[in-house]
Amino acid sequence: MSSKRWIILGIIIICGFILGRLAFRAFLNVMLGGTMFGGNIL
């Protein structure tokens, strides 16, 4: 593997980790009856 491919792979992993955390936080907010924006859609 070239170093450039490793850098791209690292960026993808970091983006996936950040998106995963945001999705998990949004899921918890919905389960607790709120939304990410502080309102209550349902």
N, C-alpha and C. Protein backbone atom coordinates (compact mmCIF):
# COMPACT_ATOMS: atom_id res chain seq x y z
N MET A 1 0.84 -1.19 0.00
CA MET A 1 0.00 0.00 0.00
C MET A 1 0.88 1.25 0.00
N SER A 2 0.46 2.23 -0.74
CA SER A 2 1.21 3.49 -0.76
C SER A 2 0.79 4.34 0.44
N SER A 3 1.63 5.31 0.79
CA SER A 3 1.32 6.17 1.93
C SER A 3 0.07 7.00 1.67
N LYS A 4 -0.15 7.37 0.39
CA LYS A 4 -1.33 8.17 0.07
C LYS A 4 -2.61 7.40 0.37
N ARG A 5 -2.60 6.11 0.08
CA ARG A 5 -3.78 5.29 0.35
C ARG A 5 -4.03 5.18 1.85
N TRP A 6 -2.96 5.09 2.64
CA TRP A 6 -3.12 5.04 4.10
C TRP A 6 -3.71 6.34 4.63
N ILE A 7 -3.30 7.48 4.06
CA ILE A 7 -3.83 8.78 4.50
C ILE A 7 -5.32 8.87 4.20
N ILE A 8 -5.71 8.43 2.99
CA ILE A 8 -7.13 8.45 2.62
C ILE A 8 -7.93 7.54 3.55
N LEU A 9 -7.38 6.35 3.84
CA LEU A 9 -8.05 5.41 4.73
C LEU A 9 -8.24 6.02 6.11
N GLY A 10 -7.22 6.72 6.60
CA GLY A 10 -7.31 7.37 7.91
C GLY A 10 -8.39 8.43 7.94
N ILE A 11 -8.48 9.22 6.88
CA ILE A 11 -9.51 10.27 6.81
C ILE A 11 -10.90 9.66 6.82
N ILE A 12 -11.08 8.56 6.09
CA ILE A 12 -12.38 7.89 6.05
C ILE A 12 -12.76 7.37 7.43
N ILE A 13 -11.78 6.78 8.14
CA ILE A 13 -12.04 6.25 9.48
C ILE A 13 -12.43 7.37 10.44
N ILE A 14 -11.71 8.50 10.37
CA ILE A 14 -12.01 9.63 11.26
C ILE A 14 -13.41 10.18 10.97
N CYS A 15 -13.74 10.34 9.69
CA CYS A 15 -15.08 10.84 9.33
C CYS A 15 -16.16 9.87 9.80
N GLY A 16 -15.92 8.59 9.63
CA GLY A 16 -16.88 7.58 10.06
C GLY A 16 -17.08 7.63 11.58
N PHE A 17 -15.97 7.82 12.31
CA PHE A 17 -16.05 7.88 13.78
C PHE A 17 -16.87 9.08 14.22
N ILE A 18 -16.63 10.24 13.57
CA ILE A 18 -17.37 11.46 13.93
C ILE A 18 -18.86 11.31 13.60
N LEU A 19 -19.15 10.77 12.40
CA LEU A 19 -20.56 10.58 12.02
C LEU A 19 -21.24 9.58 12.95
N GLY A 20 -20.50 8.55 13.35
CA GLY A 20 -21.05 7.55 14.26
C GLY A 20 -21.42 8.16 15.60
N ARG A 21 -20.53 9.03 16.10
CA ARG A 21 -20.82 9.69 17.38
C ARG A 21 -22.03 10.60 17.27
N LEU A 22 -22.13 11.36 16.15
CA LEU A 22 -23.27 12.26 15.96
C LEU A 22 -24.56 11.47 15.86
N ALA A 23 -24.53 10.36 15.12
CA ALA A 23 -25.73 9.53 14.96
C ALA A 23 -26.14 8.94 16.31
N PHE A 24 -25.15 8.50 17.10
CA PHE A 24 -25.44 7.92 18.41
C PHE A 24 -26.07 8.96 19.33
N ARG A 25 -25.52 10.19 19.30
CA ARG A 25 -26.06 11.27 20.14
C ARG A 25 -27.47 11.64 19.71
N ALA A 26 -27.71 11.68 18.39
CA ALA A 26 -29.05 12.00 17.88
C ALA A 26 -30.03 10.91 18.29
N PHE A 27 -29.59 9.65 18.22
CA PHE A 27 -30.44 8.52 18.62
C PHE A 27 -30.81 8.63 20.09
N LEU A 28 -29.85 8.95 20.95
CA LEU A 28 -30.13 9.10 22.38
C LEU A 28 -31.11 10.24 22.61
N ASN A 29 -30.93 11.36 21.90
CA ASN A 29 -31.83 12.50 22.07
C ASN A 29 -33.27 12.13 21.69
N VAL A 30 -33.42 11.38 20.60
CA VAL A 30 -34.76 10.96 20.17
C VAL A 30 -35.36 10.01 21.20
N MET A 31 -34.55 9.09 21.72
CA MET A 31 -35.06 8.13 22.71
C MET A 31 -35.46 8.82 24.00
N LEU A 32 -34.82 9.95 24.31
CA LEU A 32 -35.14 10.69 25.53
C LEU A 32 -36.31 11.65 25.31
N GLY A 33 -36.86 11.69 24.08
CA GLY A 33 -38.05 12.47 23.82
C GLY A 33 -37.78 13.84 23.24
N GLY A 34 -36.51 14.15 22.94
CA GLY A 34 -36.20 15.45 22.37
C GLY A 34 -35.63 15.30 20.98
N THR A 35 -35.16 16.41 20.43
CA THR A 35 -34.49 16.37 19.14
C THR A 35 -33.15 17.08 19.27
N MET A 36 -32.33 16.98 18.24
CA MET A 36 -31.03 17.64 18.27
C MET A 36 -31.17 19.16 18.35
N PHE A 37 -32.33 19.68 17.94
CA PHE A 37 -32.50 21.12 17.88
C PHE A 37 -33.22 21.67 19.12
N GLY A 38 -33.46 20.80 20.09
CA GLY A 38 -34.06 21.26 21.34
C GLY A 38 -35.58 21.29 21.32
N GLY A 39 -36.19 21.06 20.14
CA GLY A 39 -37.64 21.07 20.05
C GLY A 39 -38.20 19.67 20.25
N ASN A 40 -39.45 19.50 19.98
CA ASN A 40 -40.09 18.19 20.09
C ASN A 40 -41.01 18.01 18.89
N ILE A 41 -40.52 17.26 17.88
CA ILE A 41 -41.27 17.12 16.63
C ILE A 41 -42.50 16.25 16.82
N LEU A 42 -42.34 15.15 17.56
CA LEU A 42 -43.46 14.21 17.72
C LEU A 42 -44.43 14.73 18.77
